Amino acid sequence: MADIYPKAKRSQIMSRVRAQGNLKTELALVKLLRQHHITGWRRHLKLFGNPDFVFREHRLTIFVDGCFWHGCPKHSSQPTTNRAFWKKKLQMNKDRDRFVTRTLRQGGWRVLRIWQHELSKRAEARCVERVRKYLRP
């Protein structure tokens, strides 16, 4: 479907849209952690890269990555309009994710990245097991 606005107007409109985080996926993980009695986590601690969850005692950070925004190899898709912009934008997101992961690991943190699709009912047992594995001494 063609855009009803000219390119300059669409750009102006989109520049006013502010990120609201990934609240839905974060809350899905909160629900899983609580259902499985996994404790010791805090959300949104001030730490490099802004992890979604931090287990300070275990020096573990968890990021919940949206399949579109972070380039999931299974579910990501490329928009059909303004391809050059989106290709660059999504690649920058992936590069930033790698940099954040590397920096946290160099600082002695373990990093677990969970894809949005891993929070589905079918995959939740695997997801919980991954978290538990990272929490084992």
N, C-alpha and C. Protein backbone atom coordinates (compact mmCIF):
# COMPACT_ATOMS: atom_id res chain seq x y z
N MET A 1 0.84 -1.17 0.00
CA MET A 1 0.00 0.00 0.00
C MET A 1 0.88 1.24 0.00
N ALA A 2 0.59 2.18 -0.84
CA ALA A 2 1.38 3.40 -0.94
C ALA A 2 1.09 4.30 0.26
N ASP A 3 2.10 5.04 0.65
CA ASP A 3 1.95 5.98 1.76
C ASP A 3 1.11 7.17 1.31
N ILE A 4 0.25 7.67 2.18
CA ILE A 4 -0.60 8.80 1.81
C ILE A 4 0.11 10.13 1.98
N TYR A 5 1.28 10.12 2.65
CA TYR A 5 2.04 11.35 2.88
C TYR A 5 3.27 11.39 1.99
N PRO A 6 3.68 12.58 1.61
CA PRO A 6 4.96 12.70 0.90
C PRO A 6 6.10 12.30 1.84
N LYS A 7 7.26 12.00 1.29
CA LYS A 7 8.39 11.50 2.06
C LYS A 7 8.78 12.46 3.20
N ALA A 8 8.83 13.77 2.93
CA ALA A 8 9.23 14.74 3.95
C ALA A 8 8.22 14.78 5.11
N LYS A 9 6.94 14.73 4.80
CA LYS A 9 5.91 14.75 5.83
C LYS A 9 5.96 13.46 6.67
N ARG A 10 6.13 12.30 6.02
CA ARG A 10 6.23 11.03 6.74
C ARG A 10 7.43 11.07 7.69
N SER A 11 8.53 11.61 7.22
CA SER A 11 9.73 11.71 8.04
C SER A 11 9.47 12.58 9.27
N GLN A 12 8.78 13.69 9.07
CA GLN A 12 8.44 14.57 10.19
C GLN A 12 7.54 13.85 11.20
N ILE A 13 6.55 13.15 10.72
CA ILE A 13 5.63 12.41 11.59
C ILE A 13 6.39 11.35 12.38
N MET A 14 7.21 10.58 11.69
CA MET A 14 7.93 9.49 12.34
C MET A 14 8.97 9.99 13.33
N SER A 15 9.54 11.17 13.10
CA SER A 15 10.55 11.70 14.02
C SER A 15 9.94 12.05 15.37
N ARG A 16 8.64 12.19 15.42
CA ARG A 16 7.96 12.51 16.68
C ARG A 16 7.58 11.27 17.48
N VAL A 17 7.68 10.11 16.88
CA VAL A 17 7.34 8.87 17.56
C VAL A 17 8.51 8.51 18.49
N ARG A 18 8.22 8.30 19.74
CA ARG A 18 9.25 7.97 20.72
C ARG A 18 9.12 6.51 21.13
N ALA A 19 10.26 5.89 21.33
CA ALA A 19 10.30 4.48 21.72
C ALA A 19 9.57 4.29 23.05
N GLN A 20 8.86 3.21 23.14
CA GLN A 20 8.16 2.90 24.38
C GLN A 20 8.68 1.61 25.00
N GLY A 21 9.80 1.14 24.50
CA GLY A 21 10.38 -0.07 25.04
C GLY A 21 9.65 -1.29 24.51
N ASN A 22 9.98 -2.41 25.06
CA ASN A 22 9.35 -3.67 24.64
C ASN A 22 8.54 -4.23 25.80
N LEU A 23 7.67 -3.40 26.31
CA LEU A 23 6.92 -3.72 27.52
C LEU A 23 6.19 -5.06 27.44
N LYS A 24 5.56 -5.34 26.32
CA LYS A 24 4.78 -6.58 26.20
C LYS A 24 5.68 -7.81 26.35
N THR A 25 6.83 -7.80 25.68
CA THR A 25 7.73 -8.96 25.77
C THR A 25 8.39 -9.03 27.13
N GLU A 26 8.72 -7.88 27.71
CA GLU A 26 9.30 -7.89 29.05
C GLU A 26 8.31 -8.47 30.06
N LEU A 27 7.07 -8.05 29.96
CA LEU A 27 6.06 -8.56 30.89
C LEU A 27 5.82 -10.05 30.70
N ALA A 28 5.97 -10.54 29.49
CA ALA A 28 5.85 -11.98 29.26
C ALA A 28 6.95 -12.73 29.99
N LEU A 29 8.17 -12.17 29.97
CA LEU A 29 9.26 -12.81 30.70
C LEU A 29 9.06 -12.68 32.21
N VAL A 30 8.57 -11.55 32.68
CA VAL A 30 8.27 -11.39 34.10
C VAL A 30 7.30 -12.49 34.54
N LYS A 31 6.27 -12.70 33.74
CA LYS A 31 5.28 -13.73 34.06
C LYS A 31 5.92 -15.11 34.14
N LEU A 32 6.77 -15.42 33.18
CA LEU A 32 7.46 -16.73 33.18
C LEU A 32 8.35 -16.88 34.41
N LEU A 33 9.12 -15.85 34.71
CA LEU A 33 10.02 -15.93 35.86
C LEU A 33 9.23 -16.15 37.15
N ARG A 34 8.13 -15.45 37.28
CA ARG A 34 7.32 -15.60 38.49
C ARG A 34 6.65 -16.96 38.55
N GLN A 35 6.13 -17.44 37.42
CA GLN A 35 5.47 -18.76 37.39
C GLN A 35 6.43 -19.86 37.81
N HIS A 36 7.70 -19.70 37.45
CA HIS A 36 8.69 -20.74 37.73
C HIS A 36 9.55 -20.43 38.95
N HIS A 37 9.10 -19.45 39.75
CA HIS A 37 9.74 -19.10 41.02
C HIS A 37 11.22 -18.77 40.85
N ILE A 38 11.54 -18.08 39.79
CA ILE A 38 12.90 -17.60 39.56
C ILE A 38 12.98 -16.20 40.14
N THR A 39 13.81 -16.04 41.16
CA THR A 39 13.86 -14.77 41.88
C THR A 39 15.26 -14.16 41.81
N GLY A 40 15.37 -12.96 42.36
CA GLY A 40 16.66 -12.30 42.44
C GLY A 40 16.92 -11.32 41.32
N TRP A 41 15.95 -11.08 40.48
CA TRP A 41 16.13 -10.19 39.35
C TRP A 41 15.56 -8.81 39.64
N ARG A 42 16.10 -7.85 38.95
CA ARG A 42 15.58 -6.49 38.98
C ARG A 42 15.46 -6.02 37.54
N ARG A 43 14.51 -5.14 37.31
CA ARG A 43 14.33 -4.61 35.96
C ARG A 43 14.95 -3.23 35.85
N HIS A 44 15.56 -2.98 34.71
CA HIS A 44 16.04 -1.66 34.32
C HIS A 44 17.02 -1.03 35.29
N LEU A 45 17.95 -1.80 35.81
CA LEU A 45 19.01 -1.20 36.61
C LEU A 45 19.91 -0.39 35.70
N LYS A 46 20.50 0.63 36.23
CA LYS A 46 21.39 1.48 35.44
C LYS A 46 22.69 0.72 35.22
N LEU A 47 22.78 0.12 34.06
CA LEU A 47 23.95 -0.66 33.69
C LEU A 47 24.16 -0.44 32.19
N PHE A 48 25.38 -0.52 31.76
CA PHE A 48 25.69 -0.26 30.36
C PHE A 48 24.79 -1.11 29.44
N GLY A 49 24.25 -0.49 28.44
CA GLY A 49 23.41 -1.19 27.48
C GLY A 49 21.95 -1.30 27.88
N ASN A 50 21.61 -0.89 29.09
CA ASN A 50 20.24 -0.93 29.60
C ASN A 50 19.59 -2.31 29.50
N PRO A 51 20.14 -3.29 30.17
CA PRO A 51 19.51 -4.63 30.13
C PRO A 51 18.10 -4.57 30.69
N ASP A 52 17.26 -5.47 30.20
CA ASP A 52 15.88 -5.53 30.65
C ASP A 52 15.77 -6.14 32.05
N PHE A 53 16.64 -7.11 32.34
CA PHE A 53 16.65 -7.78 33.65
C PHE A 53 18.09 -7.95 34.09
N VAL A 54 18.32 -7.80 35.40
CA VAL A 54 19.66 -7.99 35.96
C VAL A 54 19.54 -8.85 37.21
N PHE A 55 20.35 -9.90 37.24
CA PHE A 55 20.52 -10.74 38.43
C PHE A 55 21.89 -10.36 38.99
N ARG A 56 21.93 -9.39 39.89
CA ARG A 56 23.22 -8.88 40.39
C ARG A 56 24.06 -9.97 41.04
N GLU A 57 23.45 -10.77 41.87
CA GLU A 57 24.18 -11.81 42.60
C GLU A 57 24.89 -12.78 41.64
N HIS A 58 24.29 -13.03 40.50
CA HIS A 58 24.85 -13.97 39.52
C HIS A 58 25.61 -13.26 38.40
N ARG A 59 25.63 -11.92 38.45
CA ARG A 59 26.27 -11.09 37.41
C ARG A 59 25.74 -11.49 36.03
N LEU A 60 24.42 -11.59 35.96
CA LEU A 60 23.74 -11.97 34.73
C LEU A 60 22.82 -10.85 34.27
N THR A 61 22.92 -10.52 32.99
CA THR A 61 22.00 -9.56 32.39
C THR A 61 21.17 -10.29 31.35
N ILE A 62 19.93 -9.88 31.22
CA ILE A 62 19.05 -10.47 30.20
C ILE A 62 18.46 -9.35 29.36
N PHE A 63 18.54 -9.53 28.06
CA PHE A 63 17.91 -8.64 27.10
C PHE A 63 16.82 -9.42 26.39
N VAL A 64 15.64 -8.83 26.27
CA VAL A 64 14.56 -9.44 25.50
C VAL A 64 14.52 -8.68 24.18
N ASP A 65 14.93 -9.35 23.12
CA ASP A 65 15.07 -8.72 21.80
C ASP A 65 13.88 -9.01 20.91
N GLY A 66 13.28 -7.96 20.38
CA GLY A 66 12.19 -8.11 19.42
C GLY A 66 12.72 -8.66 18.11
N CYS A 67 11.99 -9.56 17.52
CA CYS A 67 12.45 -10.23 16.30
C CYS A 67 12.70 -9.24 15.16
N PHE A 68 11.84 -8.26 14.98
CA PHE A 68 12.03 -7.29 13.90
C PHE A 68 13.20 -6.37 14.19
N TRP A 69 13.20 -5.72 15.34
CA TRP A 69 14.17 -4.67 15.63
C TRP A 69 15.59 -5.18 15.81
N HIS A 70 15.75 -6.42 16.19
CA HIS A 70 17.09 -6.94 16.45
C HIS A 70 17.54 -7.97 15.43
N GLY A 71 16.74 -8.18 14.40
CA GLY A 71 17.17 -9.03 13.29
C GLY A 71 17.20 -10.51 13.58
N CYS A 72 16.15 -11.03 14.16
CA CYS A 72 16.06 -12.46 14.44
C CYS A 72 16.29 -13.25 13.15
N PRO A 73 17.20 -14.22 13.18
CA PRO A 73 17.46 -15.01 11.97
C PRO A 73 16.26 -15.86 11.53
N LYS A 74 15.33 -16.09 12.45
CA LYS A 74 14.17 -16.91 12.14
C LYS A 74 12.98 -16.10 11.65
N HIS A 75 12.78 -14.90 12.22
CA HIS A 75 11.55 -14.16 11.97
C HIS A 75 11.70 -12.74 11.44
N SER A 76 12.92 -12.26 11.29
CA SER A 76 13.04 -10.86 10.86
C SER A 76 12.60 -10.72 9.41
N SER A 77 12.12 -9.54 9.11
CA SER A 77 11.71 -9.26 7.74
C SER A 77 12.19 -7.86 7.38
N GLN A 78 12.39 -7.63 6.11
CA GLN A 78 12.82 -6.33 5.63
C GLN A 78 11.61 -5.58 5.10
N PRO A 79 11.40 -4.35 5.55
CA PRO A 79 10.32 -3.56 4.99
C PRO A 79 10.51 -3.37 3.49
N THR A 80 9.42 -3.26 2.77
CA THR A 80 9.51 -3.13 1.31
C THR A 80 9.69 -1.70 0.86
N THR A 81 9.38 -0.74 1.72
CA THR A 81 9.60 0.66 1.35
C THR A 81 10.80 1.20 2.10
N ASN A 82 11.50 2.11 1.48
CA ASN A 82 12.67 2.76 2.07
C ASN A 82 13.70 1.72 2.52
N ARG A 83 13.97 0.77 1.67
CA ARG A 83 14.83 -0.38 2.00
C ARG A 83 16.21 0.01 2.50
N ALA A 84 16.84 1.00 1.84
CA ALA A 84 18.19 1.39 2.23
C ALA A 84 18.22 1.88 3.68
N PHE A 85 17.25 2.71 4.04
CA PHE A 85 17.17 3.21 5.41
C PHE A 85 17.03 2.07 6.40
N TRP A 86 16.07 1.16 6.14
CA TRP A 86 15.80 0.08 7.09
C TRP A 86 16.96 -0.90 7.18
N LYS A 87 17.58 -1.18 6.07
CA LYS A 87 18.73 -2.10 6.10
C LYS A 87 19.83 -1.53 7.00
N LYS A 88 20.11 -0.24 6.82
CA LYS A 88 21.14 0.41 7.64
C LYS A 88 20.71 0.45 9.10
N LYS A 89 19.46 0.84 9.37
CA LYS A 89 18.96 0.95 10.73
C LYS A 89 19.03 -0.38 11.47
N LEU A 90 18.54 -1.44 10.83
CA LEU A 90 18.52 -2.75 11.49
C LEU A 90 19.93 -3.31 11.68
N GLN A 91 20.82 -3.03 10.73
CA GLN A 91 22.22 -3.47 10.89
C GLN A 91 22.87 -2.73 12.05
N MET A 92 22.58 -1.44 12.20
CA MET A 92 23.13 -0.67 13.33
C MET A 92 22.62 -1.24 14.66
N ASN A 93 21.38 -1.68 14.70
CA ASN A 93 20.84 -2.30 15.92
C ASN A 93 21.62 -3.56 16.26
N LYS A 94 21.87 -4.40 15.25
CA LYS A 94 22.61 -5.65 15.48
C LYS A 94 24.05 -5.36 15.92
N ASP A 95 24.67 -4.37 15.29
CA ASP A 95 26.04 -4.00 15.67
C ASP A 95 26.09 -3.49 17.11
N ARG A 96 25.09 -2.67 17.49
CA ARG A 96 25.03 -2.15 18.86
C ARG A 96 24.83 -3.30 19.84
N ASP A 97 23.97 -4.27 19.51
CA ASP A 97 23.76 -5.42 20.39
C ASP A 97 25.06 -6.18 20.63
N ARG A 98 25.83 -6.39 19.56
CA ARG A 98 27.12 -7.10 19.70
C ARG A 98 28.08 -6.30 20.58
N PHE A 99 28.12 -4.98 20.38
CA PHE A 99 29.00 -4.12 21.17
C PHE A 99 28.61 -4.15 22.65
N VAL A 100 27.33 -4.04 22.93
CA VAL A 100 26.85 -4.07 24.32
C VAL A 100 27.19 -5.41 24.96
N THR A 101 26.93 -6.49 24.27
CA THR A 101 27.23 -7.82 24.80
C THR A 101 28.72 -7.96 25.10
N ARG A 102 29.54 -7.57 24.15
CA ARG A 102 31.00 -7.68 24.31
C ARG A 102 31.48 -6.82 25.50
N THR A 103 30.97 -5.60 25.60
CA THR A 103 31.39 -4.69 26.68
C THR A 103 30.98 -5.23 28.05
N LEU A 104 29.76 -5.72 28.17
CA LEU A 104 29.32 -6.28 29.44
C LEU A 104 30.15 -7.51 29.81
N ARG A 105 30.41 -8.36 28.85
CA ARG A 105 31.22 -9.56 29.13
C ARG A 105 32.63 -9.18 29.58
N GLN A 106 33.19 -8.16 28.97
CA GLN A 106 34.52 -7.70 29.38
C GLN A 106 34.49 -7.15 30.79
N GLY A 107 33.34 -6.67 31.22
CA GLY A 107 33.17 -6.16 32.59
C GLY A 107 32.80 -7.25 33.59
N GLY A 108 32.82 -8.50 33.17
CA GLY A 108 32.56 -9.60 34.08
C GLY A 108 31.10 -10.03 34.18
N TRP A 109 30.27 -9.51 33.31
CA TRP A 109 28.85 -9.89 33.31
C TRP A 109 28.62 -11.01 32.30
N ARG A 110 27.65 -11.86 32.59
CA ARG A 110 27.18 -12.82 31.61
C ARG A 110 25.95 -12.22 30.95
N VAL A 111 25.79 -12.48 29.68
CA VAL A 111 24.69 -11.86 28.92
C VAL A 111 23.85 -12.95 28.28
N LEU A 112 22.56 -12.89 28.53
CA LEU A 112 21.61 -13.80 27.90
C LEU A 112 20.65 -12.95 27.07
N ARG A 113 20.54 -13.29 25.79
CA ARG A 113 19.61 -12.59 24.90
C ARG A 113 18.50 -13.57 24.56
N ILE A 114 17.28 -13.13 24.80
CA ILE A 114 16.11 -13.95 24.54
C ILE A 114 15.32 -13.30 23.42
N TRP A 115 15.02 -14.06 22.38
CA TRP A 115 14.22 -13.55 21.28
C TRP A 115 12.75 -13.49 21.69
N GLN A 116 12.07 -12.56 21.12
CA GLN A 116 10.64 -12.37 21.36
C GLN A 116 9.88 -13.69 21.12
N HIS A 117 10.22 -14.42 20.07
CA HIS A 117 9.48 -15.65 19.75
C HIS A 117 9.73 -16.76 20.77
N GLU A 118 10.79 -16.63 21.58
CA GLU A 118 11.08 -17.64 22.59
C GLU A 118 10.14 -17.53 23.80
N LEU A 119 9.33 -16.49 23.82
CA LEU A 119 8.39 -16.30 24.92
C LEU A 119 7.01 -16.85 24.59
N SER A 120 6.89 -17.53 23.46
CA SER A 120 5.60 -18.12 23.09
C SER A 120 5.34 -19.34 23.97
N LYS A 121 4.10 -19.74 24.04
CA LYS A 121 3.72 -20.91 24.85
C LYS A 121 4.53 -22.15 24.48
N ARG A 122 4.73 -22.35 23.17
CA ARG A 122 5.45 -23.55 22.71
C ARG A 122 6.90 -23.57 23.15
N ALA A 123 7.52 -22.39 23.27
CA ALA A 123 8.95 -22.33 23.55
C ALA A 123 9.28 -21.95 24.99
N GLU A 124 8.26 -21.70 25.81
CA GLU A 124 8.54 -21.16 27.14
C GLU A 124 9.34 -22.11 28.03
N ALA A 125 9.14 -23.41 27.93
CA ALA A 125 9.91 -24.35 28.76
C ALA A 125 11.40 -24.26 28.44
N ARG A 126 11.71 -24.16 27.15
CA ARG A 126 13.11 -24.02 26.73
C ARG A 126 13.70 -22.71 27.24
N CYS A 127 12.91 -21.67 27.19
CA CYS A 127 13.34 -20.35 27.63
C CYS A 127 13.66 -20.36 29.13
N VAL A 128 12.77 -20.93 29.92
CA VAL A 128 12.98 -21.03 31.36
C VAL A 128 14.23 -21.85 31.66
N GLU A 129 14.42 -22.93 30.94
CA GLU A 129 15.61 -23.76 31.15
C GLU A 129 16.89 -23.00 30.82
N ARG A 130 16.86 -22.17 29.79
CA ARG A 130 18.04 -21.35 29.46
C ARG A 130 18.37 -20.39 30.60
N VAL A 131 17.34 -19.76 31.16
CA VAL A 131 17.57 -18.83 32.28
C VAL A 131 18.15 -19.59 33.47
N ARG A 132 17.56 -20.73 33.79
CA ARG A 132 18.06 -21.52 34.93
C ARG A 132 19.50 -21.97 34.71
N LYS A 133 19.82 -22.33 33.49
CA LYS A 133 21.19 -22.76 33.17
C LYS A 133 22.18 -21.63 33.45
N TYR A 134 21.83 -20.42 33.09
CA TYR A 134 22.71 -19.28 33.34
C TYR A 134 22.81 -18.95 34.83
N LEU A 135 21.82 -19.33 35.61
CA LEU A 135 21.83 -19.03 37.03
C LEU A 135 22.55 -20.08 37.86
N ARG A 136 22.88 -21.21 37.25
CA ARG A 136 23.60 -22.24 37.99
C ARG A 136 25.05 -21.79 38.22
N PRO A 137 25.58 -22.14 39.39
CA PRO A 137 26.98 -21.72 39.68
C PRO A 137 27.99 -22.46 38.83
